[in-house]
C-alpha atoms as a PDB file:
ATOM      1  CA  MET A   1     167.673 -21.985 227.748  1.00  0.00           C
ATOM      2  CA  ALA A   2     169.514 -21.603 224.223  1.00  0.00           C
ATOM      3  CA  LYS A   3     173.030 -22.907 223.960  1.00  0.00           C
ATOM      4  CA  LEU A   4     175.800 -21.458 222.428  1.00  0.00           C
ATOM      5  CA  TYR A   5     178.932 -23.715 221.330  1.00  0.00           C
ATOM      6  CA  TYR A   6     182.215 -22.295 220.576  1.00  0.00           C
ATOM      7  CA  LEU A   7     185.410 -23.775 218.977  1.00  0.00           C
ATOM      8  CA  GLN A   8     188.681 -23.801 221.380  1.00  0.00           C
ATOM      9  CA  ASP A   9     190.746 -21.007 219.194  1.00  0.00           C
ATOM     10  CA  ASP A  10     191.305 -17.613 219.609  1.00  0.00           C
ATOM     11  CA  THR A  11     188.955 -16.088 217.329  1.00  0.00           C
ATOM     12  CA  THR A  12     186.387 -18.057 218.514  1.00  0.00           C
ATOM     13  CA  ARG A  13     186.801 -17.379 222.476  1.00  0.00           C
ATOM     14  CA  TRP A  14     187.149 -13.403 221.092  1.00  0.00           C
ATOM     15  CA  VAL A  15     183.863 -13.673 219.443  1.00  0.00           C
ATOM     16  CA  ALA A  16     181.781 -15.778 222.186  1.00  0.00           C
ATOM     17  CA  GLU A  17     183.626 -13.504 225.138  1.00  0.00           C
ATOM     18  CA  TYR A  18     182.068 -10.203 222.971  1.00  0.00           C
ATOM     19  CA  LEU A  19     178.508 -12.147 222.981  1.00  0.00           C
ATOM     20  CA  ASP A  20     178.445 -13.119 226.041  1.00  0.00           C
ATOM     21  CA  GLN A  21     178.762  -9.672 227.893  1.00  0.00           C
ATOM     22  CA  GLN A  22     176.701  -8.071 225.186  1.00  0.00           C
ATOM     23  CA  LEU A  23     173.622 -10.561 225.561  1.00  0.00           C
ATOM     24  CA  GLY A  24     174.200 -10.516 229.698  1.00  0.00           C
ATOM     25  CA  ARG A  25     173.634  -7.137 229.765  1.00  0.00           C
ATOM     26  CA  GLN A  26     170.299  -7.406 227.772  1.00  0.00           C
ATOM     27  CA  SER A  27     169.497 -10.111 230.441  1.00  0.00           C
ATOM     28  CA  VAL A  28     169.337 -12.755 227.230  1.00  0.00           C
ATOM     29  CA  PRO A  29     169.728 -16.570 228.453  1.00  0.00           C
ATOM     30  CA  LEU A  30     172.571 -18.246 226.901  1.00  0.00           C
ATOM     31  CA  VAL A  31     174.625 -20.770 227.892  1.00  0.00           C
ATOM     32  CA  PHE A  32     178.303 -20.462 226.391  1.00  0.00           C
ATOM     33  CA  ALA A  33     179.834 -23.927 226.297  1.00  0.00           C
ATOM     34  CA  PRO A  34     183.839 -24.414 224.794  1.00  0.00           C
ATOM     35  CA  VAL A  35     184.412 -27.502 222.295  1.00  0.00           C
ATOM     36  CA  THR A  36     187.659 -29.060 220.695  1.00  0.00           C
ATOM     37  CA  MET A  37     188.263 -31.121 217.156  1.00  0.00           C
ATOM     38  CA  GLU A  38     191.666 -33.016 218.681  1.00  0.00           C
ATOM     39  CA  ASN A  39     191.397 -36.092 218.196  1.00  0.00           C
ATOM     40  CA  ILE A  40     188.930 -36.680 215.154  1.00  0.00           C
ATOM     41  CA  PRO A  41     188.853 -39.781 213.304  1.00  0.00           C
ATOM     42  CA  GLN A  42     189.870 -39.621 209.467  1.00  0.00           C
ATOM     43  CA  PRO A  43     187.940 -39.832 207.578  1.00  0.00           C
ATOM     44  CA  ASN A  44     184.814 -39.022 209.634  1.00  0.00           C
ATOM     45  CA  GLY A  45     181.500 -39.567 207.562  1.00  0.00           C
ATOM     46  CA  LYS A  46     179.474 -40.402 210.956  1.00  0.00           C
ATOM     47  CA  TYR A  47     180.949 -38.252 213.335  1.00  0.00           C
ATOM     48  CA  ARG A  48     178.628 -35.754 215.608  1.00  0.00           C
ATOM     49  CA  LEU A  49     179.799 -33.266 217.768  1.00  0.00           C
ATOM     50  CA  PRO A  50     178.232 -34.565 221.369  1.00  0.00           C
ATOM     51  CA  VAL A  51     175.443 -31.601 221.181  1.00  0.00           C
ATOM     52  CA  GLN A  52     172.674 -33.443 223.798  1.00  0.00           C
ATOM     53  CA  GLU A  53     169.952 -30.191 222.852  1.00  0.00           C
ATOM     54  CA  ARG A  54     167.414 -29.973 219.524  1.00  0.00           C
ATOM     55  CA  LYS A  55     168.235 -26.024 218.968  1.00  0.00           C
ATOM     56  CA  ALA A  56     171.547 -24.860 219.148  1.00  0.00           C
ATOM     57  CA  VAL A  57     174.046 -22.398 217.789  1.00  0.00           C
ATOM     58  CA  LEU A  58     177.541 -23.375 217.031  1.00  0.00           C
ATOM     59  CA  LEU A  59     180.900 -20.523 216.856  1.00  0.00           C
ATOM     60  CA  TRP A  60     183.372 -21.655 214.518  1.00  0.00           C
ATOM     61  CA  GLY A  61     186.514 -19.319 213.443  1.00  0.00           C
ATOM     62  CA  SER A  62     188.128 -17.565 210.156  1.00  0.00           C
ATOM     63  CA  GLY A  63     186.416 -19.385 207.517  1.00  0.00           C
ATOM     64  CA  LYS A  64     189.547 -22.192 207.481  1.00  0.00           C
ATOM     65  CA  GLU A  65     187.337 -23.773 210.170  1.00  0.00           C
ATOM     66  CA  HIS A  66     183.802 -23.508 208.116  1.00  0.00           C
ATOM     67  CA  HIS A  67     184.024 -27.583 207.831  1.00  0.00           C
ATOM     68  CA  ILE A  68     182.775 -28.238 211.734  1.00  0.00           C
ATOM     69  CA  SER A  69     179.820 -27.535 210.669  1.00  0.00           C
ATOM     70  CA  TYR A  70     179.876 -30.454 208.903  1.00  0.00           C
ATOM     71  CA  TYR A  71     179.632 -31.858 212.596  1.00  0.00           C
ATOM     72  CA  PHE A  72     177.223 -29.920 213.851  1.00  0.00           C
ATOM     73  CA  ARG A  73     174.618 -31.476 212.282  1.00  0.00           C
ATOM     74  CA  PRO A  74     171.028 -32.619 213.490  1.00  0.00           C
ATOM     75  CA  GLU A  75     169.804 -36.452 213.979  1.00  0.00           C
ATOM     76  CA  GLU A  76     166.534 -35.725 212.115  1.00  0.00           C
ATOM     77  CA  PRO A  77     165.889 -35.200 208.775  1.00  0.00           C
ATOM     78  CA  TYR A  78     166.753 -31.587 207.036  1.00  0.00           C
ATOM     79  CA  VAL A  79     168.000 -29.424 204.855  1.00  0.00           C
ATOM     80  CA  LYS A  80     170.796 -27.147 204.929  1.00  0.00           C
ATOM     81  CA  SER A  81     171.275 -23.633 203.888  1.00  0.00           C
ATOM     82  CA  VAL A  82     174.246 -22.325 203.996  1.00  0.00           C
ATOM     83  CA  PHE A  83     175.686 -18.668 203.190  1.00  0.00           C
ATOM     84  CA  ASP A  84     178.711 -18.375 201.376  1.00  0.00           C
ATOM     85  CA  ALA A  85     180.816 -16.868 198.809  1.00  0.00           C
ATOM     86  CA  HIS A  86     182.172 -20.172 198.361  1.00  0.00           C
ATOM     87  CA  HIS A  87     180.644 -23.459 197.097  1.00  0.00           C
ATOM     88  CA  ASP A  88     182.885 -25.947 199.122  1.00  0.00           C
ATOM     89  CA  MET A  89     181.829 -29.048 197.396  1.00  0.00           C
ATOM     90  CA  TRP A  90     185.630 -29.377 196.019  1.00  0.00           C
ATOM     91  CA  PRO A  91     185.946 -33.121 195.488  1.00  0.00           C
ATOM     92  CA  TYR A  92     187.875 -34.930 198.457  1.00  0.00           C
ATOM     93  CA  GLN A  93     191.757 -34.519 198.430  1.00  0.00           C
ATOM     94  CA  TRP A  94     194.183 -36.236 200.320  1.00  0.00           C
ATOM     95  CA  GLY A  95     191.659 -39.362 201.128  1.00  0.00           C
ATOM     96  CA  ASP A  96     188.831 -38.401 202.808  1.00  0.00           C
ATOM     97  CA  ARG A  97     189.876 -35.529 204.151  1.00  0.00           C
ATOM     98  CA  LEU A  98     187.272 -33.100 205.167  1.00  0.00           C
ATOM     99  CA  PHE A  99     188.195 -29.481 205.310  1.00  0.00           C
ATOM    100  CA  CYS A 100     186.883 -25.814 205.114  1.00  0.00           C
ATOM    101  CA  ASN A 101     186.746 -26.566 200.402  1.00  0.00           C
ATOM    102  CA  ASN A 102     184.746 -30.196 200.613  1.00  0.00           C
ATOM    103  CA  HIS A 103     183.036 -29.777 203.251  1.00  0.00           C
ATOM    104  CA  ASN A 104     179.514 -29.167 201.585  1.00  0.00           C
ATOM    105  CA  THR A 105     180.566 -32.440 199.545  1.00  0.00           C
ATOM    106  CA  ALA A 106     180.922 -34.528 202.665  1.00  0.00           C
ATOM    107  CA  LEU A 107     177.570 -33.752 203.599  1.00  0.00           C
ATOM    108  CA  LEU A 108     175.720 -34.362 200.705  1.00  0.00           C
ATOM    109  CA  ASP A 109     177.877 -37.851 200.027  1.00  0.00           C
ATOM    110  CA  TYR A 110     177.476 -39.350 204.077  1.00  0.00           C
ATOM    111  CA  ASP A 111     174.724 -37.677 205.467  1.00  0.00           C
ATOM    112  CA  GLU A 112     171.759 -39.802 206.214  1.00  0.00           C
ATOM    113  CA  PHE A 113     169.787 -37.306 206.966  1.00  0.00           C
ATOM    114  CA  LEU A 114     170.219 -34.510 204.676  1.00  0.00           C
ATOM    115  CA  TYR A 115     167.036 -34.045 201.933  1.00  0.00           C
ATOM    116  CA  GLY A 116     168.360 -30.788 199.991  1.00  0.00           C
ATOM    117  CA  MET A 117     170.906 -28.102 200.459  1.00  0.00           C
ATOM    118  CA  GLU A 118     171.820 -24.648 199.119  1.00  0.00           C
ATOM    119  CA  VAL A 119     174.515 -22.329 199.130  1.00  0.00           C
ATOM    120  CA  LEU A 120     173.358 -18.733 198.728  1.00  0.00           C
ATOM    121  CA  GLY A 121     175.414 -15.693 197.891  1.00  0.00           C
ATOM    122  CA  PHE A 122     177.866 -18.149 195.846  1.00  0.00           C
ATOM    123  CA  SER A 123     180.250 -15.533 193.592  1.00  0.00           C
ATOM    124  CA  PRO A 124     180.914 -16.116 189.954  1.00  0.00           C
ATOM    125  CA  GLU A 125     184.590 -15.433 190.918  1.00  0.00           C
ATOM    126  CA  VAL A 126     185.194 -18.150 192.764  1.00  0.00           C
ATOM    127  CA  THR A 127     186.209 -21.003 190.111  1.00  0.00           C
ATOM    128  CA  SER A 128     187.306 -24.042 192.232  1.00  0.00           C
ATOM    129  CA  PRO A 129     185.899 -27.295 190.569  1.00  0.00           C
ATOM    130  CA  ALA A 130     182.654 -28.499 192.305  1.00  0.00           C
ATOM    131  CA  SER A 131     181.927 -32.420 193.612  1.00  0.00           C
ATOM    132  CA  SER A 132     179.591 -34.744 191.134  1.00  0.00           C
ATOM    133  CA  HIS A 133     179.283 -37.594 193.041  1.00  0.00           C
ATOM    134  CA  ASN A 134     176.832 -36.230 195.351  1.00  0.00           C
ATOM    135  CA  PHE A 135     173.680 -37.618 195.712  1.00  0.00           C
ATOM    136  CA  VAL A 136     171.214 -35.310 197.117  1.00  0.00           C
ATOM    137  CA  PRO A 137     169.720 -32.344 195.161  1.00  0.00           C
ATOM    138  CA  SER A 138     171.386 -29.315 195.682  1.00  0.00           C
ATOM    139  CA  ILE A 139     171.763 -26.136 194.652  1.00  0.00           C
ATOM    140  CA  LEU A 140     173.879 -23.278 194.077  1.00  0.00           C
ATOM    141  CA  SER A 141     172.877 -19.335 194.487  1.00  0.00           C
ATOM    142  CA  THR A 142     174.082 -15.852 194.040  1.00  0.00           C
ATOM    143  CA  SER A 143     171.147 -15.063 195.261  1.00  0.00           C
ATOM    144  CA  LEU A 144     170.985 -14.911 199.101  1.00  0.00           C
ATOM    145  CA  LYS A 145     166.622 -15.399 199.021  1.00  0.00           C
ATOM    146  CA  SER A 146     166.323 -18.741 200.338  1.00  0.00           C
ATOM    147  CA  ARG A 147     163.986 -21.675 198.198  1.00  0.00           C
ATOM    148  CA  PHE A 148     162.980 -23.441 201.099  1.00  0.00           C
ATOM    149  CA  GLN A 149     159.839 -23.205 203.310  1.00  0.00           C
ATOM    150  CA  GLY A 150     158.540 -25.462 205.462  1.00  0.00           C
ATOM    151  CA  ASN A 151     161.531 -27.367 206.395  1.00  0.00           C
ATOM    152  CA  VAL A 152     163.811 -28.336 209.677  1.00  0.00           C
ATOM    153  CA  MET A 153     166.631 -26.959 208.662  1.00  0.00           C
ATOM    154  CA  HIS A 154     170.731 -26.587 209.410  1.00  0.00           C
ATOM    155  CA  GLN A 155     171.489 -22.691 208.805  1.00  0.00           C
ATOM    156  CA  SER A 156     175.412 -21.846 208.118  1.00  0.00           C
ATOM    157  CA  ILE A 157     176.651 -18.913 207.730  1.00  0.00           C
ATOM    158  CA  ASP A 158     179.942 -17.985 206.355  1.00  0.00           C
ATOM    159  CA  LEU A 159     180.389 -13.977 207.203  1.00  0.00           C
ATOM    160  CA  ASP A 160     182.754 -13.483 204.042  1.00  0.00           C
ATOM    161  CA  VAL A 161     179.795 -13.289 201.605  1.00  0.00           C
ATOM    162  CA  ILE A 162     179.246  -9.771 203.335  1.00  0.00           C
ATOM    163  CA  LYS A 163     181.321  -7.177 201.033  1.00  0.00           C
ATOM    164  CA  TYR A 164     184.281  -5.833 202.629  1.00  0.00           C
ATOM    165  CA  TYR A 165     183.851  -8.341 205.635  1.00  0.00           C
ATOM    166  CA  PRO A 166     186.817  -8.457 208.000  1.00  0.00           C
ATOM    167  CA  CYS A 167     187.806 -12.255 206.848  1.00  0.00           C
ATOM    168  CA  ASN A 168     191.064 -13.331 205.536  1.00  0.00           C
ATOM    169  CA  PRO A 169     191.724 -11.483 202.406  1.00  0.00           C
ATOM    170  CA  PHE A 170     191.933 -14.942 200.453  1.00  0.00           C
ATOM    171  CA  TYR A 171     188.590 -15.829 200.541  1.00  0.00           C
ATOM    172  CA  ALA A 172     187.565 -11.917 200.026  1.00  0.00           C
ATOM    173  CA  HIS A 173     184.614 -12.706 197.034  1.00  0.00           C
ATOM    174  CA  GLY A 174     181.361 -11.138 198.971  1.00  0.00           C
ATOM    175  CA  HIS A 175     179.623  -9.108 197.160  1.00  0.00           C
ATOM    176  CA  HIS A 176     176.718  -8.573 199.216  1.00  0.00           C
ATOM    177  CA  ALA A 177     175.572  -6.122 202.127  1.00  0.00           C
ATOM    178  CA  PHE A 178     175.051  -7.094 205.557  1.00  0.00           C
ATOM    179  CA  SER A 179     171.309  -5.741 205.633  1.00  0.00           C
ATOM    180  CA  ALA A 180     170.159  -8.289 202.751  1.00  0.00           C
ATOM    181  CA  LEU A 181     172.371 -11.345 204.207  1.00  0.00           C
ATOM    182  CA  LYS A 182     169.935 -10.038 207.206  1.00  0.00           C
ATOM    183  CA  GLU A 183     166.604  -9.671 205.619  1.00  0.00           C
ATOM    184  CA  CYS A 184     166.667 -12.553 204.013  1.00  0.00           C
ATOM    185  CA  PHE A 185     167.781 -14.309 207.211  1.00  0.00           C
ATOM    186  CA  ARG A 186     164.707 -13.307 209.107  1.00  0.00           C
ATOM    187  CA  GLU A 187     162.972 -14.243 205.790  1.00  0.00           C
ATOM    188  CA  THR A 188     164.658 -18.013 205.781  1.00  0.00           C
ATOM    189  CA  LEU A 189     163.086 -18.334 209.868  1.00  0.00           C
ATOM    190  CA  LYS A 190     160.371 -17.426 209.491  1.00  0.00           C
ATOM    191  CA  ALA A 191     159.466 -19.894 206.545  1.00  0.00           C
ATOM    192  CA  ASN A 192     161.198 -22.494 208.224  1.00  0.00           C
ATOM    193  CA  GLU A 193     162.091 -24.116 211.259  1.00  0.00           C
ATOM    194  CA  VAL A 194     165.608 -23.437 211.642  1.00  0.00           C
ATOM    195  CA  ILE A 195     167.053 -25.534 214.626  1.00  0.00           C
ATOM    196  CA  ARG A 196     170.849 -25.548 214.251  1.00  0.00           C
ATOM    197  CA  LEU A 197     172.495 -21.569 213.787  1.00  0.00           C
ATOM    198  CA  ASP A 198     176.416 -22.421 212.653  1.00  0.00           C
ATOM    199  CA  ILE A 199     178.573 -18.297 212.375  1.00  0.00           C
ATOM    200  CA  GLY A 200     181.838 -18.030 211.252  1.00  0.00           C
ATOM    201  CA  GLY A 201     184.177 -16.366 208.996  1.00  0.00           C
ATOM    202  CA  LEU A 202     185.662 -13.282 211.012  1.00  0.00           C
ATOM    203  CA  PHE A 203     189.938 -13.232 210.216  1.00  0.00           C
ATOM    204  CA  LEU A 204     191.384 -11.198 213.278  1.00  0.00           C
ATOM    205  CA  LYS A 205     194.580 -11.383 211.808  1.00  0.00           C
ATOM    206  CA  GLU A 206     196.541  -8.209 209.925  1.00  0.00           C
ATOM    207  CA  THR A 207     195.224  -8.365 206.324  1.00  0.00           C
ATOM    208  CA  GLY A 208     196.483  -4.867 205.121  1.00  0.00           C
ATOM    209  CA  ARG A 209     192.937  -3.780 203.905  1.00  0.00           C
ATOM    210  CA  LYS A 210     193.178  -2.071 207.733  1.00  0.00           C
ATOM    211  CA  PRO A 211     189.767  -4.514 208.659  1.00  0.00           C
ATOM    212  CA  ASP A 212     187.094  -3.312 211.470  1.00  0.00           C
ATOM    213  CA  PHE A 213     186.852  -6.003 213.749  1.00  0.00           C
ATOM    214  CA  SER A 214     184.484  -4.250 215.738  1.00  0.00           C
ATOM    215  CA  ARG A 215     182.114  -3.787 213.007  1.00  0.00           C
ATOM    216  CA  GLY A 216     182.077  -7.362 212.574  1.00  0.00           C
ATOM    217  CA  LEU A 217     181.468  -8.521 216.177  1.00  0.00           C
ATOM    218  CA  LYS A 218     178.390  -6.318 215.897  1.00  0.00           C
ATOM    219  CA  GLU A 219     177.548  -8.487 212.909  1.00  0.00           C
ATOM    220  CA  TYR A 220     177.866 -11.622 215.151  1.00  0.00           C
ATOM    221  CA  LEU A 221     175.993 -10.564 217.331  1.00  0.00           C
ATOM    222  CA  GLU A 222     172.914  -8.776 215.514  1.00  0.00           C
ATOM    223  CA  LEU A 223     172.143 -12.389 213.018  1.00  0.00           C
ATOM    224  CA  LEU A 224     171.962 -13.769 216.637  1.00  0.00           C
ATOM    225  CA  GLU A 225     170.019 -11.566 218.421  1.00  0.00           C
ATOM    226  CA  ILE A 226     167.854 -11.986 214.778  1.00  0.00           C
ATOM    227  CA  TYR A 227     167.841 -15.727 215.450  1.00  0.00           C
ATOM    228  CA  LEU A 228     167.121 -15.539 219.802  1.00  0.00           C
ATOM    229  CA  GLU A 229     164.383 -13.451 218.335  1.00  0.00           C
ATOM    230  CA  CYS A 230     163.100 -15.548 216.018  1.00  0.00           C
ATOM    231  CA  CYS A 231     163.723 -19.112 217.210  1.00  0.00           C
ATOM    232  CA  GLY A 232     163.360 -18.744 220.953  1.00  0.00           C
ATOM    233  CA  ALA A 233     165.395 -20.700 223.729  1.00  0.00           C
ATOM    234  CA  GLY A 234     166.819 -24.136 222.584  1.00  0.00           C
ATOM    235  CA  GLU A 235     165.140 -27.191 223.069  1.00  0.00           C
END
């Protein structure tokens, strides 16, 4: 039976309740498990969420919580593929503090199991500085098409990569259609063994752009259905 973990905040609880309701109607076996990120030590290079399953799904929040993906990493050799309009490879600030803009830097520097990374859908509009002290090969691409095949993979999806997605307007740099994201996600699932999937990016607050939250929820659901269809239940 597949297990879905979700961060305990307003956004992810709302998404989890929606997914539980929708997938329950389809008789999809899915166990929902809340997680908390309180009292995590800093620096925190070795910490992992206490996930027992080899295959699992995690929901994080609005985009500012993308660094939670770092703690969800598996404990075996793997590559990481990230759909994101931002590379999230800032140098460390405020000591070794981990946050949304530098979680990929932390992964490249700290994780002994990681042997490759790609950030797909990266927007050329984003001019934040990239870190220069990474020790694992990484790829930044404006395309959504993965270069990995035949790997054990952790897939992370920040939905701000989608054009007009209801994300925080400060991070609204996405240029890609949701249909393109789905197609590339399917290709990645078929070409690799994706044992970890995490998704986030929905922003519940009013943004001034009249965001369609119902559309945002449906896109979570479609991506999760694709994953369950391709990968089956967790181990």
